[in-house]
Amino acid sequence: MSQREVWDAIAPQWHRWREKPLPEVMRFIEGAAGYLDIGCGSRRHLAKGKKVTGLDFSVEMLKLAKKFSEDNGIDADFIMADACEMPLKDESFSMAVAAAVLHAVPKESHEKFLKEMKRVMKKGGKCIITVWNKDQEKFTGLAKERYVPWKDEGEALMRHYYLFDKEEFETLLGKSGFRTDRVYLDAEGWNIIAEISKP
């Protein structure tokens, strides 16, 4: 089963269980008129009162996101695409969100992901990226690149993840051409959060 098929299969449960947005992301986008939501999933960071462009490679996630936005009066357009090859014009966004998506990208494509993100951002554009933090108890002794099961009623669906530590994440960002404005952990220490901007 491909990762796209895995996420398509997960979509209905994900929509029910992953509804609460990350407060760090909501604070970051608070003053923005609109933003690009890379790996938008089914609804988590779709904000009312803003122009949202949601991009995801899962058609089932996007179907749920579209219905949610229509039902809740959210001004959003959706694109099915790989985040490493976005069908978007150069320098088209002033703000972008990539919450819990880069860690689902294979390690060999991390730099490509950031390069593509940089391409679609306007000069001075700001982005927030969140990834799982490897340095937490539940990941002790685990390989950095691994498959994490999503327990459905039937078989476990295996999601690809890459577990970053803070130093490695900062090194990757340093090579991206973005300016790193801030890197920090969330209150629980579960996520590493980077706020970056395009010089």
C-alpha atoms as a PDB file:
ATOM      1  CA  MET A   1       0.000   0.000   0.000  1.00  0.00           C
ATOM      2  CA  SER A   2       1.424   3.397  -0.995  1.00  0.00           C
ATOM      3  CA  GLN A   3       1.589   6.254   1.516  1.00  0.00           C
ATOM      4  CA  ARG A   4      -1.111   8.075  -0.460  1.00  0.00           C
ATOM      5  CA  GLU A   5      -3.379   5.024  -0.108  1.00  0.00           C
ATOM      6  CA  VAL A   6      -2.567   4.809   3.610  1.00  0.00           C
ATOM      7  CA  TRP A   7      -3.578   8.433   4.193  1.00  0.00           C
ATOM      8  CA  ASP A   8      -6.701   8.034   2.057  1.00  0.00           C
ATOM      9  CA  ALA A   9      -7.705   5.074   4.249  1.00  0.00           C
ATOM     10  CA  ILE A  10      -6.941   6.946   7.481  1.00  0.00           C
ATOM     11  CA  ALA A  11      -8.831  10.105   6.453  1.00  0.00           C
ATOM     12  CA  PRO A  12     -12.258   9.449   8.077  1.00  0.00           C
ATOM     13  CA  GLN A  13     -10.783   8.625  11.505  1.00  0.00           C
ATOM     14  CA  TRP A  14      -8.191  11.395  11.201  1.00  0.00           C
ATOM     15  CA  HIS A  15     -10.990  13.891  10.578  1.00  0.00           C
ATOM     16  CA  ARG A  16     -12.709  12.848  13.817  1.00  0.00           C
ATOM     17  CA  TRP A  17      -9.605  12.636  16.008  1.00  0.00           C
ATOM     18  CA  ARG A  18      -7.341  15.413  14.676  1.00  0.00           C
ATOM     19  CA  GLU A  19      -9.662  18.377  14.847  1.00  0.00           C
ATOM     20  CA  LYS A  20      -7.857  20.525  17.429  1.00  0.00           C
ATOM     21  CA  PRO A  21      -5.380  22.973  15.848  1.00  0.00           C
ATOM     22  CA  LEU A  22      -1.923  23.548  17.282  1.00  0.00           C
ATOM     23  CA  PRO A  23      -2.076  26.805  19.293  1.00  0.00           C
ATOM     24  CA  GLU A  24       1.383  27.816  18.053  1.00  0.00           C
ATOM     25  CA  VAL A  25       0.154  27.663  14.453  1.00  0.00           C
ATOM     26  CA  MET A  26      -3.023  29.633  15.195  1.00  0.00           C
ATOM     27  CA  ARG A  27      -1.012  32.374  16.920  1.00  0.00           C
ATOM     28  CA  PHE A  28       1.394  32.505  13.974  1.00  0.00           C
ATOM     29  CA  ILE A  29      -1.338  33.040  11.355  1.00  0.00           C
ATOM     30  CA  GLU A  30      -3.449  35.353  13.503  1.00  0.00           C
ATOM     31  CA  GLY A  31      -2.662  38.591  11.638  1.00  0.00           C
ATOM     32  CA  ALA A  32      -2.492  37.098   8.139  1.00  0.00           C
ATOM     33  CA  ALA A  33      -5.093  37.749   5.449  1.00  0.00           C
ATOM     34  CA  GLY A  34      -4.405  34.315   4.006  1.00  0.00           C
ATOM     35  CA  TYR A  35      -1.903  31.483   3.854  1.00  0.00           C
ATOM     36  CA  LEU A  36      -0.830  28.279   2.158  1.00  0.00           C
ATOM     37  CA  ASP A  37      -1.499  25.173   4.266  1.00  0.00           C
ATOM     38  CA  ILE A  38       0.917  22.478   3.044  1.00  0.00           C
ATOM     39  CA  GLY A  39      -0.235  18.993   4.007  1.00  0.00           C
ATOM     40  CA  CYS A  40      -3.529  20.495   5.144  1.00  0.00           C
ATOM     41  CA  GLY A  41      -5.196  17.175   5.926  1.00  0.00           C
ATOM     42  CA  SER A  42      -8.921  17.291   6.579  1.00  0.00           C
ATOM     43  CA  ARG A  43      -9.410  20.541   8.547  1.00  0.00           C
ATOM     44  CA  ARG A  44      -7.012  21.075  11.434  1.00  0.00           C
ATOM     45  CA  HIS A  45      -5.656  24.535  10.541  1.00  0.00           C
ATOM     46  CA  LEU A  46      -8.400  25.875   8.265  1.00  0.00           C
ATOM     47  CA  ALA A  47      -9.139  29.274   9.788  1.00  0.00           C
ATOM     48  CA  LYS A  48     -12.285  31.315   9.296  1.00  0.00           C
ATOM     49  CA  GLY A  49     -11.874  34.899   8.089  1.00  0.00           C
ATOM     50  CA  LYS A  50      -8.787  34.142   5.994  1.00  0.00           C
ATOM     51  CA  LYS A  51      -8.119  33.063   2.420  1.00  0.00           C
ATOM     52  CA  VAL A  52      -6.688  29.545   2.676  1.00  0.00           C
ATOM     53  CA  THR A  53      -5.044  27.465  -0.032  1.00  0.00           C
ATOM     54  CA  GLY A  54      -4.896  23.881   1.211  1.00  0.00           C
ATOM     55  CA  LEU A  55      -2.559  21.394  -0.444  1.00  0.00           C
ATOM     56  CA  ASP A  56      -2.441  17.665   0.265  1.00  0.00           C
ATOM     57  CA  PHE A  57      -1.644  14.482  -1.670  1.00  0.00           C
ATOM     58  CA  SER A  58      -4.636  12.606  -0.214  1.00  0.00           C
ATOM     59  CA  VAL A  59      -7.849  13.038  -2.180  1.00  0.00           C
ATOM     60  CA  GLU A  60      -9.910  11.672   0.733  1.00  0.00           C
ATOM     61  CA  MET A  61      -8.422  14.243   3.126  1.00  0.00           C
ATOM     62  CA  LEU A  62      -9.202  16.999   0.639  1.00  0.00           C
ATOM     63  CA  LYS A  63     -12.815  15.858   0.216  1.00  0.00           C
ATOM     64  CA  LEU A  64     -13.297  16.175   3.973  1.00  0.00           C
ATOM     65  CA  ALA A  65     -11.480  19.539   4.074  1.00  0.00           C
ATOM     66  CA  LYS A  66     -13.652  20.913   1.266  1.00  0.00           C
ATOM     67  CA  LYS A  67     -16.885  19.834   2.984  1.00  0.00           C
ATOM     68  CA  PHE A  68     -15.693  21.220   6.329  1.00  0.00           C
ATOM     69  CA  SER A  69     -14.796  24.588   4.791  1.00  0.00           C
ATOM     70  CA  GLU A  70     -18.136  24.810   2.958  1.00  0.00           C
ATOM     71  CA  ASP A  71     -20.109  23.869   6.083  1.00  0.00           C
ATOM     72  CA  ASN A  72     -18.238  26.418   8.227  1.00  0.00           C
ATOM     73  CA  GLY A  73     -17.978  29.384   5.857  1.00  0.00           C
ATOM     74  CA  ILE A  74     -14.213  29.129   5.389  1.00  0.00           C
ATOM     75  CA  ASP A  75     -12.819  30.713   2.208  1.00  0.00           C
ATOM     76  CA  ALA A  76     -10.579  27.922   0.955  1.00  0.00           C
ATOM     77  CA  ASP A  77      -9.333  26.403  -2.281  1.00  0.00           C
ATOM     78  CA  PHE A  78      -7.781  22.940  -2.387  1.00  0.00           C
ATOM     79  CA  ILE A  79      -5.086  21.376  -4.540  1.00  0.00           C
ATOM     80  CA  MET A  80      -4.163  17.693  -4.680  1.00  0.00           C
ATOM     81  CA  ALA A  81      -0.385  17.570  -5.090  1.00  0.00           C
ATOM     82  CA  ASP A  82       2.898  16.382  -3.619  1.00  0.00           C
ATOM     83  CA  ALA A  83       4.471  19.040  -1.393  1.00  0.00           C
ATOM     84  CA  CYS A  84       7.807  18.460  -3.148  1.00  0.00           C
ATOM     85  CA  GLU A  85       6.257  19.395  -6.516  1.00  0.00           C
ATOM     86  CA  MET A  86       3.629  22.054  -5.899  1.00  0.00           C
ATOM     87  CA  PRO A  87       1.735  23.296  -8.987  1.00  0.00           C
ATOM     88  CA  LEU A  88       1.993  26.891  -7.780  1.00  0.00           C
ATOM     89  CA  LYS A  89       3.634  30.006  -9.210  1.00  0.00           C
ATOM     90  CA  ASP A  90       6.910  31.343  -7.858  1.00  0.00           C
ATOM     91  CA  GLU A  91       6.599  33.835  -5.010  1.00  0.00           C
ATOM     92  CA  SER A  92       2.830  33.510  -4.663  1.00  0.00           C
ATOM     93  CA  PHE A  93       2.344  33.398  -0.866  1.00  0.00           C
ATOM     94  CA  SER A  94       3.266  35.660   2.050  1.00  0.00           C
ATOM     95  CA  MET A  95       2.581  33.012   4.691  1.00  0.00           C
ATOM     96  CA  ALA A  96       2.689  29.226   4.829  1.00  0.00           C
ATOM     97  CA  VAL A  97       1.932  26.506   7.358  1.00  0.00           C
ATOM     98  CA  ALA A  98       3.483  23.028   7.236  1.00  0.00           C
ATOM     99  CA  ALA A  99       2.208  21.402  10.422  1.00  0.00           C
ATOM    100  CA  ALA A 100       3.067  17.740  11.005  1.00  0.00           C
ATOM    101  CA  VAL A 101       3.962  17.114   7.357  1.00  0.00           C
ATOM    102  CA  LEU A 102       7.759  17.353   6.866  1.00  0.00           C
ATOM    103  CA  HIS A 103       8.293  14.415   9.227  1.00  0.00           C
ATOM    104  CA  ALA A 104       6.087  12.298   6.921  1.00  0.00           C
ATOM    105  CA  VAL A 105       8.399  13.028   3.970  1.00  0.00           C
ATOM    106  CA  PRO A 106      11.282  10.576   3.313  1.00  0.00           C
ATOM    107  CA  LYS A 107      14.658  11.890   4.494  1.00  0.00           C
ATOM    108  CA  GLU A 108      16.078  12.076   0.967  1.00  0.00           C
ATOM    109  CA  SER A 109      13.341  14.580   0.045  1.00  0.00           C
ATOM    110  CA  HIS A 110      13.620  16.934   3.048  1.00  0.00           C
ATOM    111  CA  GLU A 111      15.808  19.466   1.241  1.00  0.00           C
ATOM    112  CA  LYS A 112      13.574  19.309  -1.845  1.00  0.00           C
ATOM    113  CA  PHE A 113      10.512  19.989   0.319  1.00  0.00           C
ATOM    114  CA  LEU A 114      12.095  23.138   1.774  1.00  0.00           C
ATOM    115  CA  LYS A 115      13.399  24.277  -1.616  1.00  0.00           C
ATOM    116  CA  GLU A 116       9.899  23.996  -3.062  1.00  0.00           C
ATOM    117  CA  MET A 117       8.419  25.837  -0.102  1.00  0.00           C
ATOM    118  CA  LYS A 118      10.966  28.625  -0.564  1.00  0.00           C
ATOM    119  CA  ARG A 119      10.150  28.853  -4.282  1.00  0.00           C
ATOM    120  CA  VAL A 120       6.454  29.596  -3.714  1.00  0.00           C
ATOM    121  CA  MET A 121       7.062  32.127  -0.922  1.00  0.00           C
ATOM    122  CA  LYS A 122       7.321  35.855  -1.562  1.00  0.00           C
ATOM    123  CA  LYS A 123      10.407  37.699  -0.338  1.00  0.00           C
ATOM    124  CA  GLY A 124       9.861  38.389   3.336  1.00  0.00           C
ATOM    125  CA  GLY A 125       7.249  35.634   3.479  1.00  0.00           C
ATOM    126  CA  LYS A 126       6.916  33.771   6.767  1.00  0.00           C
ATOM    127  CA  CYS A 127       6.430  30.045   7.406  1.00  0.00           C
ATOM    128  CA  ILE A 128       5.820  27.827  10.398  1.00  0.00           C
ATOM    129  CA  ILE A 129       6.885  24.176  10.329  1.00  0.00           C
ATOM    130  CA  THR A 130       6.210  21.578  13.020  1.00  0.00           C
ATOM    131  CA  VAL A 131       7.752  18.109  13.287  1.00  0.00           C
ATOM    132  CA  TRP A 132       7.654  15.402  15.914  1.00  0.00           C
ATOM    133  CA  ASN A 133      10.427  15.680  18.496  1.00  0.00           C
ATOM    134  CA  LYS A 134      12.539  12.515  18.693  1.00  0.00           C
ATOM    135  CA  ASP A 135      13.797  13.435  22.161  1.00  0.00           C
ATOM    136  CA  GLN A 136      10.744  12.276  24.085  1.00  0.00           C
ATOM    137  CA  GLU A 137      10.235   9.144  26.134  1.00  0.00           C
ATOM    138  CA  LYS A 138       7.955   7.271  23.727  1.00  0.00           C
ATOM    139  CA  PHE A 139      10.619   7.397  20.978  1.00  0.00           C
ATOM    140  CA  THR A 140      13.556   6.245  23.131  1.00  0.00           C
ATOM    141  CA  GLY A 141      15.607   3.634  21.282  1.00  0.00           C
ATOM    142  CA  LEU A 142      13.613   3.892  18.052  1.00  0.00           C
ATOM    143  CA  ALA A 143      15.141   4.372  14.608  1.00  0.00           C
ATOM    144  CA  LYS A 144      14.825   7.883  13.203  1.00  0.00           C
ATOM    145  CA  GLU A 145      13.169   6.750   9.978  1.00  0.00           C
ATOM    146  CA  ARG A 146      10.399   4.283  10.641  1.00  0.00           C
ATOM    147  CA  TYR A 147       6.810   3.250  10.040  1.00  0.00           C
ATOM    148  CA  VAL A 148       4.271   4.108  12.718  1.00  0.00           C
ATOM    149  CA  PRO A 149       1.009   2.106  12.809  1.00  0.00           C
ATOM    150  CA  TRP A 150      -2.392   3.736  12.682  1.00  0.00           C
ATOM    151  CA  LYS A 151      -4.665   1.264  14.423  1.00  0.00           C
ATOM    152  CA  ASP A 152      -7.889   0.902  12.469  1.00  0.00           C
ATOM    153  CA  GLU A 153     -10.640  -1.606  13.196  1.00  0.00           C
ATOM    154  CA  GLY A 154      -8.947  -3.950  10.726  1.00  0.00           C
ATOM    155  CA  GLU A 155      -5.261  -4.043   9.843  1.00  0.00           C
ATOM    156  CA  ALA A 156      -2.741  -1.503  11.131  1.00  0.00           C
ATOM    157  CA  LEU A 157      -1.995   1.104   8.479  1.00  0.00           C
ATOM    158  CA  MET A 158       1.715   1.915   8.385  1.00  0.00           C
ATOM    159  CA  ARG A 159       2.594   5.614   8.141  1.00  0.00           C
ATOM    160  CA  HIS A 160       6.111   6.702   7.205  1.00  0.00           C
ATOM    161  CA  TYR A 161       7.745   9.071   9.708  1.00  0.00           C
ATOM    162  CA  TYR A 162      11.151  10.628  10.222  1.00  0.00           C
ATOM    163  CA  LEU A 163      11.968  11.581  13.807  1.00  0.00           C
ATOM    164  CA  PHE A 164      13.981  14.809  14.079  1.00  0.00           C
ATOM    165  CA  ASP A 165      15.988  15.977  17.028  1.00  0.00           C
ATOM    166  CA  LYS A 166      16.218  19.757  17.456  1.00  0.00           C
ATOM    167  CA  GLU A 167      19.857  20.039  16.365  1.00  0.00           C
ATOM    168  CA  GLU A 168      19.291  18.084  13.144  1.00  0.00           C
ATOM    169  CA  PHE A 169      16.175  20.107  12.327  1.00  0.00           C
ATOM    170  CA  GLU A 170      18.057  23.374  12.831  1.00  0.00           C
ATOM    171  CA  THR A 171      20.889  22.132  10.589  1.00  0.00           C
ATOM    172  CA  LEU A 172      18.418  21.246   7.830  1.00  0.00           C
ATOM    173  CA  LEU A 173      16.787  24.671   8.074  1.00  0.00           C
ATOM    174  CA  GLY A 174      20.204  26.325   7.973  1.00  0.00           C
ATOM    175  CA  LYS A 175      20.882  24.767   4.565  1.00  0.00           C
ATOM    176  CA  SER A 176      17.486  25.732   3.130  1.00  0.00           C
ATOM    177  CA  GLY A 177      18.086  29.377   2.241  1.00  0.00           C
ATOM    178  CA  PHE A 178      15.399  30.495   4.679  1.00  0.00           C
ATOM    179  CA  ARG A 179      16.241  32.714   7.630  1.00  0.00           C
ATOM    180  CA  THR A 180      15.561  30.856  10.870  1.00  0.00           C
ATOM    181  CA  ASP A 181      13.742  33.268  13.162  1.00  0.00           C
ATOM    182  CA  ARG A 182      12.912  30.893  16.006  1.00  0.00           C
ATOM    183  CA  VAL A 183      13.073  27.170  16.836  1.00  0.00           C
ATOM    184  CA  TYR A 184      11.419  25.912  20.017  1.00  0.00           C
ATOM    185  CA  LEU A 185       9.486  23.040  21.588  1.00  0.00           C
ATOM    186  CA  ASP A 186       5.774  23.084  22.324  1.00  0.00           C
ATOM    187  CA  ALA A 187       4.658  23.049  25.959  1.00  0.00           C
ATOM    188  CA  GLU A 188       4.573  19.238  26.125  1.00  0.00           C
ATOM    189  CA  GLY A 189       7.860  18.746  24.254  1.00  0.00           C
ATOM    190  CA  TRP A 190       6.100  16.623  21.612  1.00  0.00           C
ATOM    191  CA  ASN A 191       6.809  18.904  18.645  1.00  0.00           C
ATOM    192  CA  ILE A 192       9.713  20.987  17.402  1.00  0.00           C
ATOM    193  CA  ILE A 193       8.417  24.217  15.906  1.00  0.00           C
ATOM    194  CA  ALA A 194      10.316  26.464  13.500  1.00  0.00           C
ATOM    195  CA  GLU A 195       9.342  29.957  12.443  1.00  0.00           C
ATOM    196  CA  ILE A 196      11.283  30.885   9.311  1.00  0.00           C
ATOM    197  CA  SER A 197      11.213  33.594   6.643  1.00  0.00           C
ATOM    198  CA  LYS A 198      12.439  34.094   3.091  1.00  0.00           C
ATOM    199  CA  PRO A 199      15.169  36.770   2.907  1.00  0.00           C
END
